[in-house]
């Protein structure tokens, strides 16, 4: 299955991780089987019952996922950052315009919509392009650690700033940069909100086969009414079928279609790569 939950093709290398993210379109980083949607950690484990232990420092699969995350971030071929609701998420480049249309803040509106600390951090990064956490706090004057992290989360959520690299010596830190430096073409692509909702819904349904009430909203951070708009747009074009209130299935699975459990537990060749 696309989400690598069938114990057949665990993600082991960074190249495989990039292929996985490109295939699924977007994925969480370290969520386990208790959360819906594709996840790099679950793909590394290669099983649908993958559950993160309490002591993740001693868990080899958690450690390997973290190492892959660092390498993916450094290579910069897929988008990584904290998006809606502070969720760390990977995006395939093709999905960036849609997420930007939903959560991005156009440059003319940034002074009005961003907080003062976020604007001070952004002013420094636009001058320096890349800077480590400690230096960025000092140069921006946002010295309070919690205030600084809130500003960075705000800038990531608006798809303006991304972590470019994790540095572990002499102490752990991130190198921060502007998202437009790595993904200029994708972030400059204009997409209307209706199209963005439809394509995000399409991306999720292509892997899930069927979505249940509230699932798309939970995975992406969309409001449930907007997630519903995206799913209904797929029904209008014939890509999906509405099974019940809030439940949608790929039209290609047929009129009766399998149960949601069969779609996700057995995996169908028609929705597999």
C-alpha atoms as a PDB file:
ATOM      1  CA  UNK A   1       0.000   0.000   0.000  1.00  0.00           C
ATOM      2  CA  UNK A   2       1.134   3.559  -0.608  1.00  0.00           C
ATOM      3  CA  UNK A   3       1.615   4.310   3.079  1.00  0.00           C
ATOM      4  CA  UNK A   4       4.069   1.393   3.666  1.00  0.00           C
ATOM      5  CA  UNK A   5       2.022  -0.300   6.390  1.00  0.00           C
ATOM      6  CA  UNK A   6       2.079  -3.841   5.017  1.00  0.00           C
ATOM      7  CA  UNK A   7       5.454  -5.156   6.268  1.00  0.00           C
ATOM      8  CA  UNK A   8       6.678  -5.523   2.699  1.00  0.00           C
ATOM      9  CA  UNK A   9       8.770  -2.451   1.869  1.00  0.00           C
ATOM     10  CA  UNK A  10      10.089  -0.573   4.875  1.00  0.00           C
ATOM     11  CA  UNK A  11      11.675   2.811   4.184  1.00  0.00           C
ATOM     12  CA  UNK A  12      15.363   2.501   4.990  1.00  0.00           C
ATOM     13  CA  UNK A  13      17.312   5.095   3.001  1.00  0.00           C
ATOM     14  CA  UNK A  14      16.886   8.821   2.469  1.00  0.00           C
ATOM     15  CA  UNK A  15      16.256   8.196  -1.234  1.00  0.00           C
ATOM     16  CA  UNK A  16      13.446   5.800  -0.324  1.00  0.00           C
ATOM     17  CA  UNK A  17      12.090   8.397   2.103  1.00  0.00           C
ATOM     18  CA  UNK A  18      12.026  11.019  -0.652  1.00  0.00           C
ATOM     19  CA  UNK A  19      10.258   8.577  -2.988  1.00  0.00           C
ATOM     20  CA  UNK A  20       7.724   7.795  -0.246  1.00  0.00           C
ATOM     21  CA  UNK A  21       6.937  11.485   0.335  1.00  0.00           C
ATOM     22  CA  UNK A  22       6.654  12.156  -3.392  1.00  0.00           C
ATOM     23  CA  UNK A  23       4.273   9.228  -3.760  1.00  0.00           C
ATOM     24  CA  UNK A  24       1.957  10.078  -0.845  1.00  0.00           C
ATOM     25  CA  UNK A  25       2.159  13.866  -1.380  1.00  0.00           C
ATOM     26  CA  UNK A  26       2.346  14.794   2.285  1.00  0.00           C
ATOM     27  CA  UNK A  27       3.228  12.900   5.444  1.00  0.00           C
ATOM     28  CA  UNK A  28       3.716  13.434   9.146  1.00  0.00           C
ATOM     29  CA  UNK A  29       7.159  12.818  10.590  1.00  0.00           C
ATOM     30  CA  UNK A  30       6.922  10.898  13.857  1.00  0.00           C
ATOM     31  CA  UNK A  31       3.243  10.044  14.306  1.00  0.00           C
ATOM     32  CA  UNK A  32       2.417   6.376  14.855  1.00  0.00           C
ATOM     33  CA  UNK A  33      -0.540   4.111  14.125  1.00  0.00           C
ATOM     34  CA  UNK A  34      -2.719   5.946  16.640  1.00  0.00           C
ATOM     35  CA  UNK A  35      -2.971   8.860  14.172  1.00  0.00           C
ATOM     36  CA  UNK A  36      -4.495   8.629  10.691  1.00  0.00           C
ATOM     37  CA  UNK A  37      -2.635   9.482   7.520  1.00  0.00           C
ATOM     38  CA  UNK A  38       0.782   8.677   6.083  1.00  0.00           C
ATOM     39  CA  UNK A  39       3.760   8.921   8.422  1.00  0.00           C
ATOM     40  CA  UNK A  40       7.490   8.566   7.854  1.00  0.00           C
ATOM     41  CA  UNK A  41       7.843   6.725  11.171  1.00  0.00           C
ATOM     42  CA  UNK A  42       5.188   4.160  10.230  1.00  0.00           C
ATOM     43  CA  UNK A  43       6.813   3.758   6.794  1.00  0.00           C
ATOM     44  CA  UNK A  44      10.164   3.097   8.493  1.00  0.00           C
ATOM     45  CA  UNK A  45       8.519   0.488  10.715  1.00  0.00           C
ATOM     46  CA  UNK A  46       6.606  -0.950   7.754  1.00  0.00           C
ATOM     47  CA  UNK A  47       3.632  -2.135   9.830  1.00  0.00           C
ATOM     48  CA  UNK A  48       0.220  -0.682  10.577  1.00  0.00           C
ATOM     49  CA  UNK A  49       0.381  -1.376  14.327  1.00  0.00           C
ATOM     50  CA  UNK A  50       3.561   0.704  14.786  1.00  0.00           C
ATOM     51  CA  UNK A  51       3.444   2.454  18.168  1.00  0.00           C
ATOM     52  CA  UNK A  52       6.168   4.715  19.501  1.00  0.00           C
ATOM     53  CA  UNK A  53       7.481   3.584  22.895  1.00  0.00           C
ATOM     54  CA  UNK A  54       7.721   5.943  25.835  1.00  0.00           C
ATOM     55  CA  UNK A  55      11.521   5.832  25.790  1.00  0.00           C
ATOM     56  CA  UNK A  56      12.082   6.870  22.180  1.00  0.00           C
ATOM     57  CA  UNK A  57      15.812   7.439  22.773  1.00  0.00           C
ATOM     58  CA  UNK A  58      16.314   3.672  22.932  1.00  0.00           C
ATOM     59  CA  UNK A  59      13.973   2.845  20.054  1.00  0.00           C
ATOM     60  CA  UNK A  60      15.933   2.102  16.880  1.00  0.00           C
ATOM     61  CA  UNK A  61      13.022   2.870  14.561  1.00  0.00           C
ATOM     62  CA  UNK A  62      12.378   6.264  16.165  1.00  0.00           C
ATOM     63  CA  UNK A  63      16.093   7.067  15.976  1.00  0.00           C
ATOM     64  CA  UNK A  64      16.297   6.038  12.332  1.00  0.00           C
ATOM     65  CA  UNK A  65      13.260   8.149  11.467  1.00  0.00           C
ATOM     66  CA  UNK A  66      14.863  11.140  13.200  1.00  0.00           C
ATOM     67  CA  UNK A  67      18.093  10.606  11.262  1.00  0.00           C
ATOM     68  CA  UNK A  68      16.173  10.407   7.984  1.00  0.00           C
ATOM     69  CA  UNK A  69      14.324  13.601   8.908  1.00  0.00           C
ATOM     70  CA  UNK A  70      17.642  15.406   9.422  1.00  0.00           C
ATOM     71  CA  UNK A  71      18.994  14.182   6.091  1.00  0.00           C
ATOM     72  CA  UNK A  72      15.774  15.053   4.239  1.00  0.00           C
ATOM     73  CA  UNK A  73      15.929  18.532   5.726  1.00  0.00           C
ATOM     74  CA  UNK A  74      19.563  18.987   4.726  1.00  0.00           C
ATOM     75  CA  UNK A  75      19.026  17.771   1.133  1.00  0.00           C
ATOM     76  CA  UNK A  76      16.034  20.078   0.671  1.00  0.00           C
ATOM     77  CA  UNK A  77      14.322  18.059  -2.050  1.00  0.00           C
ATOM     78  CA  UNK A  78      11.081  17.818  -0.077  1.00  0.00           C
ATOM     79  CA  UNK A  79       9.487  20.497   2.074  1.00  0.00           C
ATOM     80  CA  UNK A  80       9.681  20.124   5.849  1.00  0.00           C
ATOM     81  CA  UNK A  81       8.314  22.326   8.597  1.00  0.00           C
ATOM     82  CA  UNK A  82       5.682  22.772  11.276  1.00  0.00           C
ATOM     83  CA  UNK A  83       2.469  23.548   9.457  1.00  0.00           C
ATOM     84  CA  UNK A  84      -1.138  23.775  10.678  1.00  0.00           C
ATOM     85  CA  UNK A  85      -1.570  23.228  14.429  1.00  0.00           C
ATOM     86  CA  UNK A  86       2.214  22.974  14.802  1.00  0.00           C
ATOM     87  CA  UNK A  87       2.392  19.566  13.105  1.00  0.00           C
ATOM     88  CA  UNK A  88       5.768  18.647  11.641  1.00  0.00           C
ATOM     89  CA  UNK A  89       5.028  17.581   8.079  1.00  0.00           C
ATOM     90  CA  UNK A  90       6.770  16.712   4.836  1.00  0.00           C
ATOM     91  CA  UNK A  91       5.385  17.930   1.518  1.00  0.00           C
ATOM     92  CA  UNK A  92       6.224  16.722  -1.956  1.00  0.00           C
ATOM     93  CA  UNK A  93       7.124  19.754  -4.116  1.00  0.00           C
ATOM     94  CA  UNK A  94       3.961  19.254  -6.208  1.00  0.00           C
ATOM     95  CA  UNK A  95       1.816  19.813  -3.087  1.00  0.00           C
ATOM     96  CA  UNK A  96       3.534  23.026  -1.952  1.00  0.00           C
ATOM     97  CA  UNK A  97       1.345  25.438  -3.997  1.00  0.00           C
ATOM     98  CA  UNK A  98      -1.828  23.927  -2.514  1.00  0.00           C
ATOM     99  CA  UNK A  99      -0.655  24.107   1.090  1.00  0.00           C
ATOM    100  CA  UNK A 100       0.637  27.634   0.476  1.00  0.00           C
ATOM    101  CA  UNK A 101      -2.803  28.648  -0.841  1.00  0.00           C
ATOM    102  CA  UNK A 102      -4.398  27.334   2.355  1.00  0.00           C
ATOM    103  CA  UNK A 103      -1.953  28.518   5.016  1.00  0.00           C
ATOM    104  CA  UNK A 104       0.488  30.952   3.448  1.00  0.00           C
ATOM    105  CA  UNK A 105       0.474  34.698   4.075  1.00  0.00           C
ATOM    106  CA  UNK A 106       1.112  36.901   1.014  1.00  0.00           C
ATOM    107  CA  UNK A 107       4.032  39.265   1.482  1.00  0.00           C
ATOM    108  CA  UNK A 108       1.896  42.455   1.326  1.00  0.00           C
ATOM    109  CA  UNK A 109      -0.152  41.154   4.273  1.00  0.00           C
ATOM    110  CA  UNK A 110       2.696  39.925   6.457  1.00  0.00           C
ATOM    111  CA  UNK A 111       3.183  43.171   8.371  1.00  0.00           C
ATOM    112  CA  UNK A 112      -0.487  43.158   9.273  1.00  0.00           C
ATOM    113  CA  UNK A 113      -0.897  39.467  10.110  1.00  0.00           C
ATOM    114  CA  UNK A 114       2.423  38.430  11.668  1.00  0.00           C
ATOM    115  CA  UNK A 115       3.325  39.163  15.277  1.00  0.00           C
ATOM    116  CA  UNK A 116       6.050  41.642  16.200  1.00  0.00           C
ATOM    117  CA  UNK A 117       8.587  38.950  17.208  1.00  0.00           C
ATOM    118  CA  UNK A 118       7.947  37.037  13.981  1.00  0.00           C
ATOM    119  CA  UNK A 119       8.498  40.172  11.917  1.00  0.00           C
ATOM    120  CA  UNK A 120      11.773  40.906  13.707  1.00  0.00           C
ATOM    121  CA  UNK A 121      13.029  37.383  13.039  1.00  0.00           C
ATOM    122  CA  UNK A 122      11.927  37.588   9.418  1.00  0.00           C
ATOM    123  CA  UNK A 123      13.672  40.933   8.931  1.00  0.00           C
ATOM    124  CA  UNK A 124      16.990  39.360  10.003  1.00  0.00           C
ATOM    125  CA  UNK A 125      16.554  36.271   7.814  1.00  0.00           C
ATOM    126  CA  UNK A 126      15.749  38.356   4.754  1.00  0.00           C
ATOM    127  CA  UNK A 127      19.068  40.091   5.287  1.00  0.00           C
ATOM    128  CA  UNK A 128      21.196  37.040   6.178  1.00  0.00           C
ATOM    129  CA  UNK A 129      19.269  34.227   4.382  1.00  0.00           C
ATOM    130  CA  UNK A 130      20.433  31.541   6.840  1.00  0.00           C
ATOM    131  CA  UNK A 131      21.262  31.676  10.533  1.00  0.00           C
ATOM    132  CA  UNK A 132      21.492  29.382  13.544  1.00  0.00           C
ATOM    133  CA  UNK A 133      19.010  29.579  16.396  1.00  0.00           C
ATOM    134  CA  UNK A 134      21.246  31.332  18.932  1.00  0.00           C
ATOM    135  CA  UNK A 135      22.505  33.966  16.484  1.00  0.00           C
ATOM    136  CA  UNK A 136      19.014  34.552  15.130  1.00  0.00           C
ATOM    137  CA  UNK A 137      17.643  35.153  18.622  1.00  0.00           C
ATOM    138  CA  UNK A 138      20.423  37.603  19.341  1.00  0.00           C
ATOM    139  CA  UNK A 139      20.203  39.499  16.033  1.00  0.00           C
ATOM    140  CA  UNK A 140      16.412  39.721  16.108  1.00  0.00           C
ATOM    141  CA  UNK A 141      16.289  40.807  19.739  1.00  0.00           C
ATOM    142  CA  UNK A 142      13.752  38.079  20.518  1.00  0.00           C
ATOM    143  CA  UNK A 143      15.736  36.774  23.474  1.00  0.00           C
ATOM    144  CA  UNK A 144      12.979  35.015  25.382  1.00  0.00           C
ATOM    145  CA  UNK A 145      13.162  31.372  24.313  1.00  0.00           C
ATOM    146  CA  UNK A 146       9.426  30.662  24.397  1.00  0.00           C
ATOM    147  CA  UNK A 147       8.610  33.853  22.519  1.00  0.00           C
ATOM    148  CA  UNK A 148      11.243  33.029  19.918  1.00  0.00           C
ATOM    149  CA  UNK A 149       9.910  29.495  19.378  1.00  0.00           C
ATOM    150  CA  UNK A 150       6.365  30.827  19.034  1.00  0.00           C
ATOM    151  CA  UNK A 151       7.652  33.230  16.379  1.00  0.00           C
ATOM    152  CA  UNK A 152       9.412  30.413  14.517  1.00  0.00           C
ATOM    153  CA  UNK A 153       6.289  28.240  14.653  1.00  0.00           C
ATOM    154  CA  UNK A 154       4.282  31.186  13.304  1.00  0.00           C
ATOM    155  CA  UNK A 155       6.699  31.700  10.411  1.00  0.00           C
ATOM    156  CA  UNK A 156       6.764  27.996   9.592  1.00  0.00           C
ATOM    157  CA  UNK A 157       2.964  27.764   9.698  1.00  0.00           C
ATOM    158  CA  UNK A 158       2.794  30.613   7.169  1.00  0.00           C
ATOM    159  CA  UNK A 159       5.320  28.749   4.978  1.00  0.00           C
ATOM    160  CA  UNK A 160       7.808  31.611   5.116  1.00  0.00           C
ATOM    161  CA  UNK A 161      10.670  30.055   7.111  1.00  0.00           C
ATOM    162  CA  UNK A 162      11.962  26.464   7.196  1.00  0.00           C
ATOM    163  CA  UNK A 163      14.683  24.630   9.121  1.00  0.00           C
ATOM    164  CA  UNK A 164      17.482  23.936   6.644  1.00  0.00           C
ATOM    165  CA  UNK A 165      19.699  21.724   8.756  1.00  0.00           C
ATOM    166  CA  UNK A 166      20.066  20.274  12.245  1.00  0.00           C
ATOM    167  CA  UNK A 167      23.415  20.911  13.943  1.00  0.00           C
ATOM    168  CA  UNK A 168      24.467  18.840  16.966  1.00  0.00           C
ATOM    169  CA  UNK A 169      27.878  20.292  17.863  1.00  0.00           C
ATOM    170  CA  UNK A 170      28.787  22.093  20.055  1.00  0.00           C
ATOM    171  CA  UNK A 171      25.081  21.905  21.007  1.00  0.00           C
ATOM    172  CA  UNK A 172      21.856  21.073  19.241  1.00  0.00           C
ATOM    173  CA  UNK A 173      20.520  23.838  17.014  1.00  0.00           C
ATOM    174  CA  UNK A 174      18.770  24.431  13.718  1.00  0.00           C
ATOM    175  CA  UNK A 175      19.957  26.494  10.782  1.00  0.00           C
ATOM    176  CA  UNK A 176      16.950  28.514   9.631  1.00  0.00           C
ATOM    177  CA  UNK A 177      16.320  29.882   6.156  1.00  0.00           C
ATOM    178  CA  UNK A 178      13.636  31.314   3.895  1.00  0.00           C
ATOM    179  CA  UNK A 179      11.358  28.767   2.259  1.00  0.00           C
ATOM    180  CA  UNK A 180      11.424  30.746  -0.993  1.00  0.00           C
ATOM    181  CA  UNK A 181      15.150  30.121  -1.337  1.00  0.00           C
ATOM    182  CA  UNK A 182      14.596  26.375  -1.749  1.00  0.00           C
ATOM    183  CA  UNK A 183      11.154  26.280  -3.338  1.00  0.00           C
ATOM    184  CA  UNK A 184      10.878  29.561  -5.218  1.00  0.00           C
ATOM    185  CA  UNK A 185       8.877  28.230  -8.175  1.00  0.00           C
ATOM    186  CA  UNK A 186       6.423  26.204  -6.086  1.00  0.00           C
ATOM    187  CA  UNK A 187       5.776  29.019  -3.606  1.00  0.00           C
ATOM    188  CA  UNK A 188       5.282  31.533  -6.424  1.00  0.00           C
ATOM    189  CA  UNK A 189       2.641  29.374  -8.125  1.00  0.00           C
ATOM    190  CA  UNK A 190      -0.816  30.904  -7.668  1.00  0.00           C
ATOM    191  CA  UNK A 191      -3.636  28.540  -6.759  1.00  0.00           C
ATOM    192  CA  UNK A 192      -7.148  29.464  -5.630  1.00  0.00           C
ATOM    193  CA  UNK A 193      -8.469  28.113  -2.339  1.00  0.00           C
ATOM    194  CA  UNK A 194     -11.132  25.893  -3.910  1.00  0.00           C
ATOM    195  CA  UNK A 195      -8.536  24.133  -6.075  1.00  0.00           C
ATOM    196  CA  UNK A 196      -6.199  23.745  -3.112  1.00  0.00           C
ATOM    197  CA  UNK A 197      -8.906  22.097  -0.984  1.00  0.00           C
ATOM    198  CA  UNK A 198      -9.807  19.716  -3.801  1.00  0.00           C
ATOM    199  CA  UNK A 199      -6.205  18.689  -4.517  1.00  0.00           C
ATOM    200  CA  UNK A 200      -5.296  18.156  -0.858  1.00  0.00           C
ATOM    201  CA  UNK A 201      -8.421  15.997  -0.506  1.00  0.00           C
ATOM    202  CA  UNK A 202      -7.481  14.107  -3.699  1.00  0.00           C
ATOM    203  CA  UNK A 203      -3.965  13.475  -2.439  1.00  0.00           C
ATOM    204  CA  UNK A 204      -5.219  11.996   0.818  1.00  0.00           C
ATOM    205  CA  UNK A 205      -7.981   9.892  -0.718  1.00  0.00           C
ATOM    206  CA  UNK A 206      -5.616   8.447  -3.340  1.00  0.00           C
ATOM    207  CA  UNK A 207      -3.652   6.780  -0.550  1.00  0.00           C
ATOM    208  CA  UNK A 208      -6.428   6.074   1.939  1.00  0.00           C
ATOM    209  CA  UNK A 209      -8.965   4.662  -0.530  1.00  0.00           C
ATOM    210  CA  UNK A 210     -11.700   5.794   1.826  1.00  0.00           C
ATOM    211  CA  UNK A 211     -11.953   8.626   4.332  1.00  0.00           C
ATOM    212  CA  UNK A 212     -14.258   8.719   7.349  1.00  0.00           C
ATOM    213  CA  UNK A 213     -15.835  11.783   9.029  1.00  0.00           C
ATOM    214  CA  UNK A 214     -13.259  14.243  10.333  1.00  0.00           C
ATOM    215  CA  UNK A 215     -10.243  12.263   9.120  1.00  0.00           C
ATOM    216  CA  UNK A 216      -9.030  14.627   6.401  1.00  0.00           C
ATOM    217  CA  UNK A 217      -9.362  17.570   8.776  1.00  0.00           C
ATOM    218  CA  UNK A 218      -7.428  15.758  11.488  1.00  0.00           C
ATOM    219  CA  UNK A 219      -4.583  14.787   9.175  1.00  0.00           C
ATOM    220  CA  UNK A 220      -4.139  18.135   7.437  1.00  0.00           C
ATOM    221  CA  UNK A 221      -5.246  20.675  10.050  1.00  0.00           C
ATOM    222  CA  UNK A 222      -8.105  21.903   7.867  1.00  0.00           C
ATOM    223  CA  UNK A 223     -11.379  22.946   9.436  1.00  0.00           C
ATOM    224  CA  UNK A 224     -13.955  20.184   8.957  1.00  0.00           C
ATOM    225  CA  UNK A 225     -16.235  22.316   6.738  1.00  0.00           C
ATOM    226  CA  UNK A 226     -13.309  23.049   4.410  1.00  0.00           C
ATOM    227  CA  UNK A 227     -12.276  19.393   4.345  1.00  0.00           C
ATOM    228  CA  UNK A 228     -15.856  18.605   3.360  1.00  0.00           C
ATOM    229  CA  UNK A 229     -15.684  21.121   0.519  1.00  0.00           C
ATOM    230  CA  UNK A 230     -12.576  19.403  -0.808  1.00  0.00           C
ATOM    231  CA  UNK A 231     -14.152  15.950  -0.669  1.00  0.00           C
ATOM    232  CA  UNK A 232     -17.400  17.121  -2.282  1.00  0.00           C
ATOM    233  CA  UNK A 233     -15.412  18.708  -5.133  1.00  0.00           C
ATOM    234  CA  UNK A 234     -13.972  15.233  -5.832  1.00  0.00           C
ATOM    235  CA  UNK A 235     -17.491  13.795  -5.933  1.00  0.00           C
ATOM    236  CA  UNK A 236     -18.584  16.473  -8.420  1.00  0.00           C
ATOM    237  CA  UNK A 237     -15.824  15.536 -10.851  1.00  0.00           C
ATOM    238  CA  UNK A 238     -16.463  11.807 -10.431  1.00  0.00           C
ATOM    239  CA  UNK A 239     -13.177  11.018  -8.667  1.00  0.00           C
ATOM    240  CA  UNK A 240     -14.900  10.050  -5.403  1.00  0.00           C
ATOM    241  CA  UNK A 241     -18.220   8.636  -4.245  1.00  0.00           C
ATOM    242  CA  UNK A 242     -20.055   9.800  -1.139  1.00  0.00           C
ATOM    243  CA  UNK A 243     -20.847   6.661   0.865  1.00  0.00           C
ATOM    244  CA  UNK A 244     -22.492   8.337   3.872  1.00  0.00           C
ATOM    245  CA  UNK A 245     -22.360  11.647   5.680  1.00  0.00           C
ATOM    246  CA  UNK A 246     -18.676  12.589   5.886  1.00  0.00           C
ATOM    247  CA  UNK A 247     -17.511   9.282   4.338  1.00  0.00           C
ATOM    248  CA  UNK A 248     -16.003   9.247   0.837  1.00  0.00           C
ATOM    249  CA  UNK A 249     -14.483   6.492  -1.295  1.00  0.00           C
ATOM    250  CA  UNK A 250     -12.467   6.405  -4.496  1.00  0.00           C
ATOM    251  CA  UNK A 251     -14.876   6.001  -7.392  1.00  0.00           C
ATOM    252  CA  UNK A 252     -12.572   3.477  -9.050  1.00  0.00           C
ATOM    253  CA  UNK A 253     -13.223   1.029  -6.218  1.00  0.00           C
ATOM    254  CA  UNK A 254     -16.700   0.422  -7.621  1.00  0.00           C
ATOM    255  CA  UNK A 255     -20.262   1.126  -6.588  1.00  0.00           C
ATOM    256  CA  UNK A 256     -20.342  -1.289  -3.647  1.00  0.00           C
ATOM    257  CA  UNK A 257     -16.653  -1.103  -2.876  1.00  0.00           C
ATOM    258  CA  UNK A 258     -14.805  -2.843  -0.056  1.00  0.00           C
ATOM    259  CA  UNK A 259     -15.125  -1.817   3.541  1.00  0.00           C
ATOM    260  CA  UNK A 260     -12.762   0.794   4.904  1.00  0.00           C
ATOM    261  CA  UNK A 261     -11.060  -1.981   6.891  1.00  0.00           C
ATOM    262  CA  UNK A 262     -10.381  -3.962   3.708  1.00  0.00           C
ATOM    263  CA  UNK A 263      -9.113  -0.886   1.869  1.00  0.00           C
ATOM    264  CA  UNK A 264      -6.580  -0.187   4.587  1.00  0.00           C
ATOM    265  CA  UNK A 265      -5.695  -3.653   5.891  1.00  0.00           C
ATOM    266  CA  UNK A 266      -5.456  -5.665   2.681  1.00  0.00           C
ATOM    267  CA  UNK A 267      -4.382  -2.980   0.212  1.00  0.00           C
ATOM    268  CA  UNK A 268      -5.639  -2.911  -3.352  1.00  0.00           C
ATOM    269  CA  UNK A 269      -3.376  -3.032  -6.380  1.00  0.00           C
ATOM    270  CA  UNK A 270      -5.447  -0.308  -8.051  1.00  0.00           C
ATOM    271  CA  UNK A 271      -4.398   2.242  -5.451  1.00  0.00           C
ATOM    272  CA  UNK A 272      -0.892   0.954  -4.964  1.00  0.00           C
ATOM    273  CA  UNK A 273       2.102   2.233  -6.895  1.00  0.00           C
END
